[in-house]
Amino acid sequence: MPRMRAVQVAAPGGDWQVVEREIPEPGAGQVRVKVEACGVCHSDVVVKEGLFPGLQYPRIPGHEVAGCVDALSPNAGNWQKGQRVGVGWHGGQCFRCEPCRRGDFILCQFERITGVSHDGGYAEYMIAPAESLAAMPDDLRAAEAAPLLCAGITTFNALRNAGARPGDTVAIQGIGGLGHLAIQFANRMGFRTVAIGRGKDKDPLARKLGAHLYVDGAVDPAGQLKQLGGAKVILATAPDSKSIAALAEGLAPSGKLLIVAVPNEAVTLSVLPLVIGRRSFQGWPSGTAMDSEDTLRFSVMSGVRPMIEQFPLDRAGEAFSRMMKGDVRFRAVLTMK
C-alpha cells in the first residue's frame, strides 16, 4: 500500500512523532486531500496535551489545511479531483440537531473538529468530510491560504457580524497571529481602525497593516479610546484576561466587546458600564466551510495576507514550540515539499 509521512501525538503530553502511515482511503461522503500546507495554531495544544474530551490517540493534528482534492467517494458532492481546497477548524456537522436544522452549522451539538475529531493536516494526505471543504482561489498560495482558514476566518467572520458599519471606530486588541489579520480586515471593510498593542514600538507595524490610529495598551487604553469617541467594536485577539477587561470602558454607547481568543483565566468586568451604556460582551467561534470560502475570496480581492514563517513537515515540533513561545511572526506554516 502507498505510504505517507505524518506527524502525530501518540498520547496526551507525548512528543511529536514523525511517522509513516498508509495513505487513507475516503469513505462515504468523504474526500481525500493532498496537503500542500498546514498552519500551526495555538489550538493544536488541545491535541498535544489531551485537553479535549473524548480525544482518541494516536492523533494527527492540524486544522489550517490547504491542498487539492486527491480522491473522493461517489456521494461527496460536486468536488472534482485536482480542485484546490482548504479545510478549517469546523470539520463537519450532523445535519440533525436543532442548530443544524436551522442552518446554524457552526453551533452543531455534534460538531466535528478537524485534527481533533479526526486526523488533520500535519500529513501529506488527510481525509475530510465533504461538507468541511472550502474552494480555494487559484491566485492564493497554499502557504498563505492555510492561516486564513483559522486565524483569518475567525477575525473576518467576527468583524463582518459585529454590527459595525463603514466609518465606525473598530479597535483591534493585539497585533499577533490573529490581530495582524484583524487589522487588515478592519481596514478593508471600511472601519476607522484602531490597533491596540503594548509599547510605542508596535506603532509602525500597526500602521503598515492598515491601522489609522495606534493606542499603547500599557497606558490607559480605555481612556484613549474614550478620547477618540469610543469604539463601536473592540475585537480582542490576544488571550490576556486583564488586558481585555481593561478595554470595556472604552466602548461607545451600544458598543460591543467581541472575544475571539480564549484566555486561561476568567475575564472580570464591571457590569455598570455595560448596563448604563447598553454595551455588550460576546464571544465568536470561527465559521463553516462557506465562511472560509468568503474569507479566502475577500482576502484575494482586498490584498489581505498573513505574515508567515514556513517549516518542513518533519520540523513540526520546532514550529509548534516556537509558536507557543511567541517567537513566530506571526503564523507558522508546515509545507509538504
Protein backbone atom coordinates (compact mmCIF):
# COMPACT_ATOMS: atom_id res chain seq x y z
CA MET A 1 0.00 0.00 0.00
CA PRO A 2 1.25 3.54 -0.75
CA ARG A 3 2.51 5.34 2.32
CA MET A 4 2.76 8.94 3.50
CA ARG A 5 4.66 10.96 6.07
CA ALA A 6 2.73 12.37 9.00
CA VAL A 7 3.35 13.97 12.40
CA GLN A 8 1.30 12.54 15.24
CA VAL A 9 0.87 12.65 19.00
CA ALA A 10 0.66 9.13 20.42
CA ALA A 11 -0.70 10.03 23.87
CA PRO A 12 -1.65 13.15 25.87
CA GLY A 13 1.51 15.12 26.66
CA GLY A 14 3.56 12.96 24.35
CA ASP A 15 6.30 14.03 21.96
CA TRP A 16 5.75 14.88 18.33
CA GLN A 17 6.40 11.77 16.23
CA VAL A 18 7.30 11.77 12.54
CA VAL A 19 5.83 8.53 11.21
CA GLU A 20 4.90 6.73 8.04
CA ARG A 21 1.32 5.60 7.57
CA GLU A 22 -0.70 4.05 4.79
CA ILE A 23 -2.40 6.68 2.67
CA PRO A 24 -6.04 6.55 3.83
CA GLU A 25 -9.00 5.91 1.54
CA PRO A 26 -12.09 8.14 1.63
CA GLY A 27 -15.31 6.60 2.90
CA ALA A 28 -18.89 7.59 2.21
CA GLY A 29 -19.27 11.37 1.96
CA GLN A 30 -15.52 11.91 2.34
CA VAL A 31 -12.73 13.46 0.30
CA ARG A 32 -9.00 12.78 0.40
CA VAL A 33 -6.96 15.95 0.31
CA LYS A 34 -3.35 16.07 -0.79
CA VAL A 35 -1.95 18.56 1.69
CA GLU A 36 0.31 21.31 0.38
CA ALA A 37 0.48 23.41 3.55
CA CYS A 38 -0.90 23.32 7.08
CA GLY A 39 -0.82 26.12 9.61
CA VAL A 40 0.32 25.56 13.19
CA CYS A 41 -2.23 27.04 15.57
CA HIS A 42 -2.27 27.59 19.33
CA SER A 43 -5.42 25.43 19.43
CA ASP A 44 -3.28 22.42 18.42
CA VAL A 45 -2.30 22.30 22.09
CA VAL A 46 -5.61 20.53 22.80
CA VAL A 47 -4.24 17.52 20.90
CA LYS A 48 -0.70 17.82 22.23
CA GLU A 49 -1.86 17.90 25.86
CA GLY A 50 -5.12 15.95 25.64
CA LEU A 51 -7.33 18.89 26.59
CA PHE A 52 -10.41 17.91 24.58
CA PRO A 53 -12.99 15.37 25.83
CA GLY A 54 -13.03 12.05 24.01
CA LEU A 55 -9.80 12.54 22.07
CA GLN A 56 -8.54 9.30 20.56
CA TYR A 57 -4.85 8.63 20.04
CA PRO A 58 -2.66 8.50 18.12
CA ARG A 59 -3.92 11.69 16.50
CA ILE A 60 -2.58 13.83 13.66
CA PRO A 61 -3.43 17.48 14.43
CA GLY A 62 -3.80 20.42 12.06
CA HIS A 63 -6.87 22.45 11.10
CA GLU A 64 -5.44 25.07 8.73
CA VAL A 65 -5.15 22.83 5.69
CA ALA A 66 -4.55 23.96 2.11
CA GLY A 67 -4.24 21.45 -0.71
CA CYS A 68 -6.17 19.80 -3.51
CA VAL A 69 -8.71 17.01 -3.92
CA ASP A 70 -6.86 13.75 -4.50
CA ALA A 71 -9.71 11.22 -4.31
CA LEU A 72 -13.37 11.24 -3.34
CA SER A 73 -16.29 8.93 -2.75
CA PRO A 74 -19.19 8.90 -5.25
CA ASN A 75 -21.52 10.75 -2.85
CA ALA A 76 -19.07 13.51 -1.90
CA GLY A 77 -20.86 16.29 -3.74
CA ASN A 78 -19.62 18.36 -6.66
CA TRP A 79 -15.91 18.40 -5.80
CA GLN A 80 -13.51 17.49 -8.59
CA LYS A 81 -10.19 15.67 -8.46
CA GLY A 82 -7.39 18.22 -8.59
CA GLN A 83 -9.57 21.07 -7.32
CA ARG A 84 -7.84 23.41 -4.84
CA VAL A 85 -9.47 23.28 -1.42
CA GLY A 86 -8.98 24.28 2.20
CA VAL A 87 -10.16 22.72 5.44
CA GLY A 88 -10.53 24.70 8.66
CA TRP A 89 -11.47 24.09 12.32
CA HIS A 90 -15.10 23.19 11.54
CA GLY A 91 -14.79 19.59 10.39
CA GLY A 92 -18.41 18.75 9.70
CA GLN A 93 -21.88 18.73 11.23
CA CYS A 94 -24.58 16.18 12.00
CA PHE A 95 -27.39 17.87 9.98
CA ARG A 96 -29.91 16.57 12.56
CA CYS A 97 -29.63 18.61 15.78
CA GLU A 98 -31.69 21.77 16.23
CA PRO A 99 -28.92 24.25 15.28
CA CYS A 100 -28.22 22.23 12.12
CA ARG A 101 -31.91 22.09 11.24
CA ARG A 102 -31.89 25.89 11.47
CA GLY A 103 -28.81 26.06 9.24
CA ASP A 104 -26.52 27.24 12.06
CA PHE A 105 -23.90 24.56 11.46
CA ILE A 106 -21.12 26.15 13.49
CA LEU A 107 -23.23 25.54 16.61
CA CYS A 108 -23.87 21.87 15.77
CA GLN A 109 -24.21 19.94 19.00
CA PHE A 110 -22.14 17.14 17.48
CA GLU A 111 -19.67 19.28 15.55
CA ARG A 112 -16.60 17.52 14.26
CA ILE A 113 -13.29 19.35 14.56
CA THR A 114 -10.51 18.89 12.03
CA GLY A 115 -7.39 17.44 13.63
CA VAL A 116 -9.29 16.68 16.84
CA SER A 117 -12.30 14.51 15.99
CA HIS A 118 -10.36 13.00 13.09
CA ASP A 119 -6.82 13.27 11.73
CA GLY A 120 -5.81 16.65 10.37
CA GLY A 121 -3.26 18.29 8.14
CA TYR A 122 0.11 17.54 9.74
CA ALA A 123 0.43 14.92 6.99
CA GLU A 124 0.90 14.58 3.27
CA TYR A 125 -2.71 13.39 2.90
CA MET A 126 -5.84 13.67 5.04
CA ILE A 127 -9.47 12.57 4.90
CA ALA A 128 -12.16 15.23 5.32
CA PRO A 129 -15.96 15.17 5.34
CA ALA A 130 -17.08 16.73 2.06
CA GLU A 131 -19.08 19.43 3.84
CA SER A 132 -15.91 20.73 5.55
CA LEU A 133 -14.18 21.67 2.30
CA ALA A 134 -13.83 25.26 1.08
CA ALA A 135 -12.97 26.10 -2.51
CA MET A 136 -9.60 27.89 -2.66
CA PRO A 137 -8.86 30.62 -5.23
CA ASP A 138 -6.16 29.78 -7.76
CA ASP A 139 -4.27 33.03 -7.18
CA LEU A 140 -3.66 32.37 -3.47
CA ARG A 141 -0.53 30.45 -2.44
CA ALA A 142 -1.24 27.41 -0.25
CA ALA A 143 1.15 28.59 2.47
CA GLU A 144 -0.66 31.93 2.67
CA ALA A 145 -4.11 30.38 2.45
CA ALA A 146 -3.54 28.00 5.37
CA PRO A 147 -3.63 30.56 8.24
CA LEU A 148 -6.65 32.24 6.66
CA LEU A 149 -8.60 29.04 7.37
CA CYS A 150 -8.39 29.64 11.13
CA ALA A 151 -6.93 32.97 12.19
CA GLY A 152 -8.34 34.53 9.05
CA ILE A 153 -11.89 33.19 9.15
CA THR A 154 -12.13 33.79 12.91
CA THR A 155 -11.35 37.51 12.67
CA PHE A 156 -13.05 38.13 9.32
CA ASN A 157 -16.26 36.39 10.35
CA ALA A 158 -16.37 38.10 13.74
CA LEU A 159 -15.87 41.55 12.24
CA ARG A 160 -18.43 41.16 9.49
CA ASN A 161 -21.04 40.01 12.01
CA ALA A 162 -20.19 42.54 14.74
CA GLY A 163 -22.74 45.19 13.72
CA ALA A 164 -20.25 47.93 12.85
CA ARG A 165 -20.73 49.98 9.67
CA PRO A 166 -18.13 51.56 7.39
CA GLY A 167 -16.75 54.64 9.11
CA ASP A 168 -17.36 53.29 12.61
CA THR A 169 -14.42 53.05 15.01
CA VAL A 170 -13.28 49.46 15.44
CA ALA A 171 -10.40 48.67 17.78
CA ILE A 172 -8.26 45.55 17.48
CA GLN A 173 -6.61 44.41 20.73
CA GLY A 174 -3.38 42.56 19.98
CA ILE A 175 -1.02 42.61 16.99
CA GLY A 176 -0.16 38.93 16.77
CA GLY A 177 -1.30 35.88 14.84
CA LEU A 178 -4.96 36.90 14.93
CA GLY A 179 -4.56 40.64 15.36
CA HIS A 180 -2.31 41.31 12.37
CA LEU A 181 -5.02 39.84 10.14
CA ALA A 182 -7.87 41.55 12.00
CA ILE A 183 -6.27 44.97 11.45
CA GLN A 184 -6.07 44.30 7.72
CA PHE A 185 -9.67 43.09 7.53
CA ALA A 186 -10.99 46.02 9.57
CA ASN A 187 -9.24 48.48 7.28
CA ARG A 188 -10.51 46.78 4.09
CA MET A 189 -14.05 46.71 5.49
CA GLY A 190 -14.02 50.47 5.76
CA PHE A 191 -13.79 50.82 9.52
CA ARG A 192 -11.81 53.54 11.29
CA THR A 193 -9.27 51.04 12.52
CA VAL A 194 -7.52 51.45 15.87
CA ALA A 195 -4.77 48.98 16.80
CA ILE A 196 -4.04 48.34 20.48
CA GLY A 197 -0.63 46.94 21.33
CA ARG A 198 1.85 47.22 24.18
CA GLY A 199 4.63 49.76 23.75
CA LYS A 200 5.18 52.52 21.23
CA ASP A 201 7.42 50.28 19.12
CA LYS A 202 4.35 48.47 17.68
CA ASP A 203 3.00 51.68 16.13
CA PRO A 204 4.85 51.48 12.76
CA LEU A 205 3.80 47.86 12.15
CA ALA A 206 0.19 48.57 13.10
CA ARG A 207 0.00 51.42 10.62
CA LYS A 208 1.71 49.34 7.90
CA LEU A 209 -1.01 46.71 8.38
CA GLY A 210 -3.71 49.34 7.94
CA ALA A 211 -4.42 50.90 11.34
CA HIS A 212 -5.46 54.53 11.13
CA LEU A 213 -4.56 55.08 14.80
CA TYR A 214 -2.47 53.29 17.42
CA VAL A 215 -3.15 53.00 21.15
CA ASP A 216 -0.48 51.91 23.62
CA GLY A 217 -2.26 49.32 25.77
CA ALA A 218 0.15 49.94 28.63
CA VAL A 219 -1.20 53.49 29.15
CA ASP A 220 -4.95 53.57 29.96
CA PRO A 221 -6.23 52.14 26.66
CA ALA A 222 -9.89 52.63 27.61
CA GLY A 223 -9.24 56.31 28.33
CA GLN A 224 -7.51 56.73 25.00
CA LEU A 225 -10.45 55.11 23.21
CA LYS A 226 -12.84 57.44 25.04
CA GLN A 227 -10.87 60.42 23.73
CA LEU A 228 -11.49 59.07 20.22
CA GLY A 229 -15.23 58.92 20.93
CA GLY A 230 -15.30 55.27 21.98
CA ALA A 231 -15.22 52.14 19.85
CA LYS A 232 -18.29 50.62 18.22
CA VAL A 233 -16.50 47.27 18.39
CA ILE A 234 -13.41 46.12 20.26
CA LEU A 235 -12.14 42.81 18.90
CA ALA A 236 -9.98 41.02 21.49
CA THR A 237 -7.43 38.82 19.71
CA ALA A 238 -4.83 38.41 22.49
CA PRO A 239 -5.81 35.95 25.27
CA ASP A 240 -4.97 38.18 28.24
CA SER A 241 -7.93 38.45 30.61
CA LYS A 242 -6.72 41.62 32.39
CA SER A 243 -5.98 43.43 29.13
CA ILE A 244 -9.40 42.50 27.78
CA ALA A 245 -11.20 43.63 30.93
CA ALA A 246 -9.34 46.96 30.87
CA LEU A 247 -10.87 47.82 27.49
CA ALA A 248 -14.58 47.54 28.31
CA GLU A 249 -14.99 51.19 29.35
CA GLY A 250 -13.51 52.28 26.02
CA LEU A 251 -16.66 51.16 24.21
CA ALA A 252 -19.01 53.73 22.73
CA PRO A 253 -22.69 53.55 23.76
CA SER A 254 -24.21 50.35 22.34
CA GLY A 255 -20.66 49.16 21.63
CA LYS A 256 -19.59 45.53 21.69
CA LEU A 257 -16.54 43.82 23.20
CA LEU A 258 -16.04 40.78 20.99
CA ILE A 259 -13.76 37.92 22.08
CA VAL A 260 -12.12 35.50 19.64
CA ALA A 261 -9.06 34.49 21.72
CA VAL A 262 -9.78 32.49 24.86
CA PRO A 263 -7.79 33.47 27.99
CA ASN A 264 -6.85 30.81 30.53
CA GLU A 265 -8.25 32.98 33.32
CA ALA A 266 -11.72 34.44 33.77
CA VAL A 267 -12.38 37.94 32.43
CA THR A 268 -13.73 40.14 35.26
CA LEU A 269 -15.85 43.03 34.04
CA SER A 270 -17.74 45.79 35.79
CA VAL A 271 -21.40 45.39 34.86
CA LEU A 272 -22.41 49.04 35.42
CA PRO A 273 -20.79 50.45 32.23
CA LEU A 274 -22.44 47.64 30.24
CA VAL A 275 -25.88 48.38 31.64
CA ILE A 276 -25.93 52.18 31.55
CA GLY A 277 -24.32 52.33 28.09
CA ARG A 278 -26.25 49.38 26.62
CA ARG A 279 -22.89 47.80 25.85
CA SER A 280 -22.38 44.07 25.30
CA PHE A 281 -19.78 41.36 25.78
CA GLN A 282 -19.80 38.49 23.28
CA GLY A 283 -17.75 35.55 22.06
CA TRP A 284 -17.44 34.38 18.47
CA PRO A 285 -16.35 30.98 17.06
CA SER A 286 -14.71 30.55 13.68
CA GLY A 287 -17.19 29.56 10.97
CA THR A 288 -18.27 26.98 8.42
CA ALA A 289 -16.68 25.98 5.12
CA MET A 290 -18.70 28.64 3.29
CA ASP A 291 -17.40 31.25 5.73
CA SER A 292 -13.90 30.03 4.88
CA GLU A 293 -14.63 30.47 1.17
CA ASP A 294 -15.83 34.02 1.84
CA THR A 295 -12.66 34.73 3.83
CA LEU A 296 -10.39 33.43 1.07
CA ARG A 297 -12.21 35.34 -1.67
CA PHE A 298 -12.26 38.58 0.33
CA SER A 299 -8.55 38.20 1.12
CA VAL A 300 -7.68 37.81 -2.56
CA MET A 301 -9.93 40.70 -3.58
CA SER A 302 -8.63 43.10 -0.91
CA GLY A 303 -5.00 42.04 -0.64
CA VAL A 304 -5.13 40.69 2.92
CA ARG A 305 -2.27 38.25 3.56
CA PRO A 306 -0.84 36.62 6.69
CA MET A 307 2.76 37.12 7.72
CA ILE A 308 4.20 33.61 7.89
CA GLU A 309 7.28 31.52 8.65
CA GLN A 310 7.49 28.21 6.80
CA PHE A 311 8.78 24.90 8.16
CA PRO A 312 9.11 21.46 6.53
CA LEU A 313 6.77 18.80 7.91
CA ASP A 314 9.47 16.99 9.90
CA ARG A 315 10.14 20.21 11.88
CA ALA A 316 6.56 20.39 13.17
CA GLY A 317 7.72 20.07 16.77
CA GLU A 318 10.04 23.06 16.38
CA ALA A 319 7.33 25.10 14.68
CA PHE A 320 4.86 24.31 17.47
CA SER A 321 7.36 25.12 20.21
CA ARG A 322 8.30 28.46 18.65
CA MET A 323 4.66 29.33 18.12
CA MET A 324 3.83 28.59 21.77
CA LYS A 325 6.72 30.81 22.89
CA GLY A 326 5.57 33.65 20.65
CA ASP A 327 8.75 33.51 18.59
CA VAL A 328 7.00 33.19 15.21
CA ARG A 329 6.00 36.32 13.34
CA PHE A 330 3.13 35.75 13.01
CA ARG A 331 1.90 32.35 11.78
CA ALA A 332 3.90 29.13 11.45
CA VAL A 333 3.08 27.03 8.40
CA LEU A 334 4.18 23.47 7.59
CA THR A 335 4.86 22.75 3.92
CA MET A 336 4.97 19.30 2.32
CA LYS A 337 7.65 19.93 -0.32
